[in-house]
Amino acid sequence: MRRRTASVFLVRRARGGSLAEAAHFLGINPESKRLGYTQLLNRRLRISGTVRDFEQALDAIIAEILAAPAIDYRNRREALST
């Protein structure tokens, strides 16, 4: 769940939009999960005062990803599932 949540946050930061849109882009079904863990993570970050650190880490990861050759992981996952 932590990896999925981090992935949803990264996609939202890189592409914009809502958490639900980011989850849909990744093929994660937010309707069945309701992104509960994401909400829990948001709450914990606010309580601990580490939201800014978390966002800076996400920005650093996004910069690294954008500097590398593009891989369509959604397409890759769909191709591997068949």
Protein backbone atom coordinates (compact mmCIF):
# COMPACT_ATOMS: atom_id res chain seq x y z
CA MET A 1 0.00 0.00 0.00
CA ARG A 2 2.84 2.41 0.72
CA ARG A 3 4.32 1.92 -2.74
CA ARG A 4 0.94 2.47 -4.36
CA THR A 5 0.32 5.56 -2.29
CA ALA A 6 3.73 7.00 -3.16
CA SER A 7 3.08 6.23 -6.83
CA VAL A 8 -0.26 8.03 -6.72
CA PHE A 9 1.38 11.07 -5.09
CA LEU A 10 4.16 11.07 -7.69
CA VAL A 11 1.75 10.89 -10.62
CA ARG A 12 -0.38 13.65 -9.14
CA ARG A 13 2.71 15.85 -8.74
CA ALA A 14 4.01 15.09 -12.23
CA ARG A 15 0.73 15.28 -14.15
CA GLY A 16 -1.46 17.43 -11.94
CA GLY A 17 -5.08 16.61 -11.22
CA SER A 18 -6.63 14.79 -8.32
CA LEU A 19 -5.48 11.76 -6.40
CA ALA A 20 -8.35 9.77 -7.93
CA GLU A 21 -7.21 10.73 -11.45
CA ALA A 22 -3.64 9.74 -10.62
CA ALA A 23 -4.82 6.39 -9.23
CA HIS A 24 -6.91 5.79 -12.34
CA PHE A 25 -3.93 6.61 -14.56
CA LEU A 26 -1.91 3.98 -12.72
CA GLY A 27 -4.69 1.42 -12.97
CA ILE A 28 -5.37 1.51 -9.24
CA ASN A 29 -9.07 1.33 -8.53
CA PRO A 30 -9.82 4.16 -6.10
CA GLU A 31 -13.51 3.18 -5.93
CA SER A 32 -12.81 -0.06 -4.09
CA LYS A 33 -9.99 1.34 -1.93
CA ARG A 34 -11.27 4.90 -1.56
CA LEU A 35 -7.64 6.00 -1.23
CA GLY A 36 -7.93 5.53 2.53
CA TYR A 37 -4.21 4.98 3.00
CA THR A 38 -3.53 8.19 1.05
CA GLN A 39 -5.77 10.10 3.42
CA LEU A 40 -4.01 8.48 6.39
CA LEU A 41 -0.62 9.46 4.99
CA ASN A 42 -1.81 13.04 4.44
CA ARG A 43 -3.00 13.22 8.03
CA ARG A 44 0.25 11.81 9.43
CA LEU A 45 2.35 14.22 7.36
CA ARG A 46 0.33 17.19 8.63
CA ILE A 47 0.49 16.04 12.25
CA SER A 48 4.24 15.38 12.12
CA GLY A 49 4.93 18.64 10.27
CA THR A 50 6.79 16.85 7.47
CA VAL A 51 4.55 17.77 4.54
CA ARG A 52 7.20 20.09 3.09
CA ASP A 53 9.95 17.46 3.39
CA PHE A 54 7.71 14.88 1.74
CA GLU A 55 6.86 17.25 -1.13
CA GLN A 56 10.52 18.12 -1.64
CA ALA A 57 11.37 14.43 -1.80
CA LEU A 58 8.61 13.90 -4.36
CA ASP A 59 9.89 16.82 -6.43
CA ALA A 60 13.41 15.35 -6.39
CA ILE A 61 12.11 11.96 -7.51
CA ILE A 62 10.03 13.57 -10.28
CA ALA A 63 13.03 15.54 -11.52
CA GLU A 64 15.06 12.32 -11.66
CA ILE A 65 12.28 10.47 -13.49
CA LEU A 66 11.77 13.28 -16.00
CA ALA A 67 15.51 13.34 -16.74
CA ALA A 68 15.48 9.63 -17.66
CA PRO A 69 14.05 8.06 -20.84
CA ALA A 70 10.25 7.79 -20.67
CA ILE A 71 8.74 4.37 -19.90
CA ASP A 72 5.00 3.85 -20.12
CA TYR A 73 4.57 1.59 -17.10
CA ARG A 74 0.81 1.42 -17.51
CA ASN A 75 1.23 0.05 -21.03
CA ARG A 76 3.99 -2.27 -19.80
CA ARG A 77 1.80 -3.59 -16.98
CA GLU A 78 -1.13 -4.18 -19.35
CA ALA A 79 1.13 -5.98 -21.85
CA LEU A 80 2.56 -8.22 -19.12
CA SER A 81 -0.90 -9.08 -17.80
CA THR A 82 -1.93 -10.73 -21.08
